[in-house]
Amino acid sequence: MHDIDAERQVAITDFEPQRPYLLGLAYRMTGSWSDAEDVVQDAWLRWQAVKHDEIDSPRAFLSQTVTRLCLDLFKSARARREEYVGTWLPEPLPTSWDEAAFNPDALAHDLSLAFMLTLERLSPLERAAFLLSDVFDLSFREIAQTLHRSEAACRQLAARARKRVREARPRYRVNEQEGLRIAEAFLQASREGHLEELRSLLAEDAVLQTDGGGKKLATLKPILGASKIARFFVGIAAKEGGNAQGALITQLNDMPSIVVIEADGLPRTISLDIQHGKIAAIYIVRNPDKLLHIQKLLGEGGLLV
């Protein structure tokens, strides 16, 4: 019994420091916080079953385990995405997350929804090779072992992914203070249904995407252009008529964002991609399945900037 307890303590000691890192990897791989938690829990169960004194690097071993679990998950996830009602968006993730569960330093790189959507357009192997090499700094020897490909093939996968990510990544990054100021102005204008104020905040070629997952009303296709988007929010203001329970400005995925508490008590998130002082893209998530962690934080009072 003593040996079993000692072995379990070794497993915990080696695993827990890696948990934030593994959650970050799994979230980037899947675009889903709930899936990331499930994958890391599965990795923990597998970690308990191995002989730890035979593992040179727990981080490398666990990275490989999590990546392979995510690649397995893609098979079913792709099928679910094909059946998904309307636009699919990644689960929004608070930037200021409880460090006991999620260490922001483990995800110091771009976490914006635009970046996450770019990752979605990569093949699973490209996504894995890019993340492991460019974001999580694994060697190509380790990546090759993880993906069961040659080092040369993994370098090619990462290079193709890197090129696509660089082409899609905006060159301008709004500072937090400016972003929150614009988010506050947008919230005020959208609440009051001020058409011209909304138009003035939006880039002419702005795009709006909404994700209801078939469980909440949402646009099935993106809305393009400042005028159409402004009219969309004016319509929402007229329809809601102040029925929302409240709203707060925060940071989600390193983006200035608004969390609205709807009349039924459920949240919706509005994340703003700001380029050169104008809102270039708006991402709205209403699917309650994707907002369970947001709802939990709201209940705990832990979502404020």
Protein backbone atom coordinates (compact mmCIF):
# COMPACT_ATOMS: atom_id res chain seq x y z
CA MET A 1 0.00 0.00 0.00
CA HIS A 2 2.83 2.37 0.85
CA ASP A 3 4.44 1.81 -2.57
CA ILE A 4 1.12 2.46 -4.34
CA ASP A 5 0.60 5.69 -2.41
CA ALA A 6 4.16 6.80 -3.14
CA GLU A 7 3.76 6.05 -6.85
CA ARG A 8 0.50 8.01 -6.97
CA GLN A 9 2.16 10.96 -5.25
CA VAL A 10 4.94 10.91 -7.85
CA ALA A 11 2.29 10.87 -10.59
CA ILE A 12 0.53 13.86 -9.08
CA THR A 13 3.77 15.77 -8.44
CA ASP A 14 4.92 15.36 -12.04
CA PHE A 15 1.50 15.93 -13.63
CA GLU A 16 -0.05 18.92 -11.86
CA PRO A 17 2.60 21.50 -12.86
CA GLN A 18 1.93 20.50 -16.48
CA ARG A 19 -1.87 20.87 -16.28
CA PRO A 20 -2.09 24.55 -17.40
CA TYR A 21 0.29 23.84 -20.28
CA LEU A 22 -1.73 20.77 -21.32
CA LEU A 23 -5.04 22.64 -21.08
CA GLY A 24 -3.56 25.35 -23.29
CA LEU A 25 -2.45 22.82 -25.87
CA ALA A 26 -5.76 20.94 -25.86
CA TYR A 27 -7.81 24.15 -26.09
CA ARG A 28 -5.82 25.35 -29.08
CA MET A 29 -6.12 21.95 -30.72
CA THR A 30 -9.88 21.60 -30.21
CA GLY A 31 -11.23 25.14 -29.86
CA SER A 32 -13.28 23.87 -26.94
CA TRP A 33 -12.57 24.40 -23.26
CA SER A 34 -14.86 21.54 -22.24
CA ASP A 35 -13.13 19.17 -24.67
CA ALA A 36 -9.74 20.39 -23.41
CA GLU A 37 -10.69 19.52 -19.84
CA ASP A 38 -11.88 16.06 -20.91
CA VAL A 39 -8.69 15.41 -22.90
CA VAL A 40 -6.43 16.45 -20.01
CA GLN A 41 -8.40 14.27 -17.62
CA ASP A 42 -7.97 11.33 -20.00
CA ALA A 43 -4.23 12.10 -20.18
CA TRP A 44 -4.10 12.04 -16.37
CA LEU A 45 -5.67 8.58 -16.29
CA ARG A 46 -3.13 7.34 -18.82
CA TRP A 47 -0.28 8.99 -16.93
CA GLN A 48 -1.17 7.05 -13.80
CA ALA A 49 -0.81 3.77 -15.70
CA VAL A 50 2.79 4.26 -16.91
CA LYS A 51 6.08 3.62 -15.12
CA HIS A 52 7.21 7.13 -14.31
CA ASP A 53 10.84 6.27 -13.66
CA GLU A 54 11.08 5.25 -17.33
CA ILE A 55 9.89 8.68 -18.59
CA ASP A 56 12.72 11.13 -19.26
CA SER A 57 10.50 14.17 -19.81
CA PRO A 58 6.97 14.25 -18.35
CA ARG A 59 6.13 17.35 -20.42
CA ALA A 60 7.15 15.73 -23.70
CA PHE A 61 5.33 12.50 -22.87
CA LEU A 62 2.16 14.33 -21.80
CA SER A 63 2.30 16.64 -24.83
CA GLN A 64 2.40 13.61 -27.06
CA THR A 65 -0.46 11.98 -25.17
CA VAL A 66 -2.68 15.08 -25.29
CA THR A 67 -1.93 15.69 -28.98
CA ARG A 68 -2.81 12.13 -29.93
CA LEU A 69 -6.01 12.28 -27.90
CA CYS A 70 -6.94 15.52 -29.67
CA LEU A 71 -6.22 14.00 -33.09
CA ASP A 72 -8.52 11.10 -32.19
CA LEU A 73 -11.16 13.58 -31.07
CA PHE A 74 -10.99 15.39 -34.42
CA LYS A 75 -12.58 12.41 -36.14
CA SER A 76 -15.81 12.78 -34.22
CA ALA A 77 -15.53 16.57 -33.97
CA ARG A 78 -15.39 16.96 -37.75
CA ALA A 79 -18.60 14.97 -38.06
CA ARG A 80 -20.26 17.15 -35.41
CA ARG A 81 -19.12 20.33 -37.19
CA GLU A 82 -20.67 19.14 -40.46
CA GLU A 83 -24.02 18.76 -38.69
CA TYR A 84 -23.68 22.01 -36.72
CA VAL A 85 -26.47 24.54 -37.22
CA GLY A 86 -25.10 27.85 -38.50
CA THR A 87 -21.64 29.27 -37.84
CA TRP A 88 -19.28 27.35 -35.53
CA LEU A 89 -17.09 29.54 -33.31
CA PRO A 90 -14.53 28.45 -30.70
CA GLU A 91 -15.60 28.57 -27.07
CA PRO A 92 -14.70 32.01 -25.67
CA LEU A 93 -12.05 31.84 -22.98
CA PRO A 94 -11.51 34.49 -20.28
CA THR A 95 -8.08 36.07 -20.57
CA SER A 96 -7.89 36.58 -16.80
CA TRP A 97 -8.49 32.98 -15.78
CA ASP A 98 -8.15 31.64 -12.24
CA GLU A 99 -4.47 30.69 -12.12
CA ALA A 100 -5.26 27.65 -10.00
CA ALA A 101 -7.02 26.21 -13.04
CA PHE A 102 -5.38 28.04 -15.92
CA ASN A 103 -2.14 29.95 -16.04
CA PRO A 104 -2.27 32.71 -18.69
CA ASP A 105 1.53 32.53 -19.02
CA ALA A 106 1.11 29.09 -20.60
CA LEU A 107 -0.75 30.76 -23.46
CA ALA A 108 1.28 33.90 -23.93
CA HIS A 109 0.78 33.73 -27.70
CA ASP A 110 -2.19 34.89 -29.75
CA LEU A 111 -5.47 33.50 -28.44
CA SER A 112 -7.86 35.68 -30.46
CA LEU A 113 -10.89 34.08 -32.06
CA ALA A 114 -9.54 35.14 -35.45
CA PHE A 115 -6.38 33.13 -34.74
CA MET A 116 -8.39 30.18 -33.43
CA LEU A 117 -10.51 30.21 -36.59
CA THR A 118 -7.34 30.24 -38.68
CA LEU A 119 -6.22 27.10 -36.84
CA GLU A 120 -9.58 25.53 -37.72
CA ARG A 121 -8.75 25.88 -41.41
CA LEU A 122 -5.58 23.81 -41.03
CA SER A 123 -5.55 20.05 -41.33
CA PRO A 124 -5.33 18.27 -37.95
CA LEU A 125 -1.69 17.31 -38.59
CA GLU A 126 -0.75 20.84 -39.71
CA ARG A 127 -2.41 22.26 -36.64
CA ALA A 128 -0.60 19.86 -34.33
CA ALA A 129 2.81 20.38 -35.97
CA PHE A 130 2.46 24.17 -35.89
CA LEU A 131 1.26 24.36 -32.28
CA LEU A 132 3.86 21.96 -30.95
CA SER A 133 6.73 23.67 -32.76
CA ASP A 134 5.82 27.37 -32.81
CA VAL A 135 3.70 27.78 -29.70
CA PHE A 136 4.82 25.03 -27.34
CA ASP A 137 8.44 24.78 -28.48
CA LEU A 138 8.82 21.02 -28.89
CA SER A 139 11.66 19.74 -31.02
CA PHE A 140 10.86 18.20 -34.39
CA ARG A 141 12.23 14.92 -33.09
CA GLU A 142 9.52 14.96 -30.40
CA ILE A 143 6.89 16.12 -32.88
CA ALA A 144 7.81 13.31 -35.27
CA GLN A 145 7.36 10.78 -32.46
CA THR A 146 4.00 12.32 -31.59
CA LEU A 147 2.59 12.41 -35.11
CA HIS A 148 4.23 9.19 -36.33
CA ARG A 149 5.78 11.07 -39.25
CA SER A 150 9.37 11.77 -40.24
CA GLU A 151 11.05 14.94 -38.97
CA ALA A 152 11.18 16.26 -42.54
CA ALA A 153 7.44 15.69 -42.99
CA CYS A 154 6.71 17.46 -39.70
CA ARG A 155 8.84 20.43 -40.72
CA GLN A 156 6.83 20.68 -43.94
CA LEU A 157 3.53 20.47 -42.05
CA ALA A 158 4.61 23.22 -39.66
CA ALA A 159 5.94 25.41 -42.49
CA ARG A 160 2.66 25.19 -44.44
CA ALA A 161 0.67 25.98 -41.33
CA ARG A 162 2.97 28.86 -40.35
CA LYS A 163 2.57 30.46 -43.78
CA ARG A 164 -1.23 30.31 -43.59
CA VAL A 165 -1.28 31.65 -40.03
CA ARG A 166 0.99 34.58 -40.93
CA GLU A 167 -1.13 35.45 -43.97
CA ALA A 168 -4.30 35.49 -41.87
CA ARG A 169 -2.97 37.18 -38.73
CA PRO A 170 -3.74 40.93 -38.45
CA ARG A 171 -0.67 43.14 -38.20
CA TYR A 172 -2.28 45.57 -35.77
CA ARG A 173 -2.93 44.69 -32.12
CA VAL A 174 -5.09 47.06 -30.09
CA ASN A 175 -3.83 47.94 -26.63
CA GLU A 176 -6.10 46.92 -23.77
CA GLN A 177 -7.10 50.45 -22.73
CA GLU A 178 -8.11 51.49 -26.25
CA GLY A 179 -9.91 48.19 -26.80
CA LEU A 180 -11.97 48.52 -23.63
CA ARG A 181 -12.83 52.13 -24.50
CA ILE A 182 -14.14 51.07 -27.92
CA ALA A 183 -16.01 48.14 -26.36
CA GLU A 184 -17.68 50.52 -23.89
CA ALA A 185 -18.71 52.87 -26.71
CA PHE A 186 -20.03 49.92 -28.73
CA LEU A 187 -22.02 48.60 -25.77
CA GLN A 188 -23.60 52.00 -25.17
CA ALA A 189 -24.47 52.55 -28.83
CA SER A 190 -25.86 49.04 -29.30
CA ARG A 191 -27.95 49.26 -26.10
CA GLU A 192 -29.52 52.53 -27.21
CA GLY A 193 -29.84 51.57 -30.87
CA HIS A 194 -27.82 54.55 -32.18
CA LEU A 195 -27.34 53.71 -35.84
CA GLU A 196 -24.81 56.38 -36.75
CA GLU A 197 -22.70 55.84 -33.63
CA LEU A 198 -22.56 52.13 -34.41
CA ARG A 199 -21.55 52.83 -38.01
CA SER A 200 -18.79 55.18 -36.85
CA LEU A 201 -17.28 52.42 -34.69
CA LEU A 202 -17.26 49.83 -37.48
CA ALA A 203 -14.82 49.36 -40.36
CA GLU A 204 -16.62 49.57 -43.72
CA ASP A 205 -15.79 45.93 -44.49
CA ALA A 206 -16.54 44.64 -40.99
CA VAL A 207 -17.94 41.13 -40.54
CA LEU A 208 -20.29 39.76 -37.89
CA GLN A 209 -20.48 36.06 -37.04
CA THR A 210 -22.90 34.55 -34.53
CA ASP A 211 -22.99 31.06 -33.04
CA GLY A 212 -26.22 29.77 -31.55
CA GLY A 213 -25.64 26.10 -32.29
CA GLY A 214 -29.32 25.64 -33.13
CA LYS A 215 -30.15 26.24 -29.46
CA LYS A 216 -30.39 30.02 -29.54
CA LEU A 217 -31.41 32.39 -32.33
CA ALA A 218 -28.41 33.39 -34.43
CA THR A 219 -27.63 34.39 -37.99
CA LEU A 220 -26.88 31.33 -40.10
CA LYS A 221 -24.39 33.22 -42.27
CA PRO A 222 -21.98 36.09 -41.59
CA ILE A 223 -23.27 39.65 -41.95
CA LEU A 224 -20.96 41.83 -44.03
CA GLY A 225 -20.50 45.60 -44.00
CA ALA A 226 -20.83 48.37 -41.43
CA SER A 227 -24.34 49.45 -42.47
CA LYS A 228 -25.87 45.97 -42.26
CA ILE A 229 -24.17 45.20 -38.96
CA ALA A 230 -25.26 48.52 -37.43
CA ARG A 231 -28.87 47.87 -38.47
CA PHE A 232 -28.63 44.38 -36.99
CA PHE A 233 -27.74 45.78 -33.55
CA VAL A 234 -30.38 48.49 -33.81
CA GLY A 235 -32.89 45.70 -34.41
CA ILE A 236 -31.66 43.81 -31.35
CA ALA A 237 -31.99 46.95 -29.20
CA ALA A 238 -35.57 47.45 -30.38
CA LYS A 239 -36.44 43.80 -29.77
CA GLU A 240 -34.83 43.44 -26.35
CA GLY A 241 -36.14 46.77 -25.13
CA GLY A 242 -33.92 46.73 -22.06
CA ASN A 243 -34.87 43.18 -21.11
CA ALA A 244 -31.24 42.10 -20.70
CA GLN A 245 -30.34 41.68 -17.04
CA GLY A 246 -26.98 43.37 -17.41
CA ALA A 247 -23.66 43.51 -19.22
CA LEU A 248 -20.00 43.82 -18.39
CA ILE A 249 -16.86 44.70 -20.30
CA THR A 250 -14.05 42.15 -20.05
CA GLN A 251 -11.30 40.40 -22.00
CA LEU A 252 -12.01 37.10 -23.77
CA ASN A 253 -9.32 35.41 -25.86
CA ASP A 254 -7.16 38.53 -25.43
CA MET A 255 -9.88 40.57 -27.15
CA PRO A 256 -12.04 43.38 -25.76
CA SER A 257 -15.39 41.72 -25.15
CA ILE A 258 -18.85 42.17 -23.69
CA VAL A 259 -20.74 39.58 -21.68
CA VAL A 260 -24.49 40.23 -21.78
CA ILE A 261 -26.79 38.51 -19.29
CA GLU A 262 -29.94 37.86 -21.27
CA ALA A 263 -33.51 37.96 -19.92
CA ASP A 264 -33.41 34.22 -19.20
CA GLY A 265 -30.26 34.62 -17.11
CA LEU A 266 -27.96 32.97 -19.68
CA PRO A 267 -24.92 34.81 -21.01
CA ARG A 268 -23.95 35.72 -24.53
CA THR A 269 -20.47 36.90 -25.41
CA ILE A 270 -19.55 39.58 -27.94
CA SER A 271 -15.85 39.72 -28.85
CA LEU A 272 -14.44 42.59 -30.91
CA ASP A 273 -11.52 42.38 -33.31
CA ILE A 274 -10.27 45.96 -33.49
CA GLN A 275 -7.99 47.08 -36.29
CA HIS A 276 -6.65 50.65 -36.57
CA GLY A 277 -9.27 52.06 -34.22
CA LYS A 278 -12.25 50.40 -35.91
CA ILE A 279 -14.13 47.18 -35.21
CA ALA A 280 -13.16 44.83 -38.05
CA ALA A 281 -14.97 41.72 -36.82
CA ILE A 282 -17.54 40.81 -34.19
CA TYR A 283 -17.96 37.29 -32.82
CA ILE A 284 -21.12 36.51 -30.86
CA VAL A 285 -21.50 33.20 -29.03
CA ARG A 286 -25.00 32.31 -27.74
CA ASN A 287 -24.81 28.51 -27.72
CA PRO A 288 -25.26 27.78 -23.99
CA ASP A 289 -23.16 24.62 -24.25
CA LYS A 290 -20.15 26.81 -25.09
CA LEU A 291 -20.74 29.23 -22.23
CA LEU A 292 -20.90 26.95 -19.19
CA HIS A 293 -17.50 28.12 -17.94
CA ILE A 294 -18.49 31.76 -18.51
CA GLN A 295 -21.70 31.22 -16.54
CA LYS A 296 -19.74 29.60 -13.73
CA LEU A 297 -17.33 32.53 -13.52
CA LEU A 298 -20.20 35.00 -13.53
CA GLY A 299 -21.71 33.17 -10.58
CA GLU A 300 -18.38 33.37 -8.77
CA GLY A 301 -17.86 37.02 -9.67
CA GLY A 302 -14.59 36.16 -11.38
CA LEU A 303 -14.95 37.58 -14.88
CA LEU A 304 -14.27 41.26 -14.35
CA VAL A 305 -11.13 42.74 -15.92
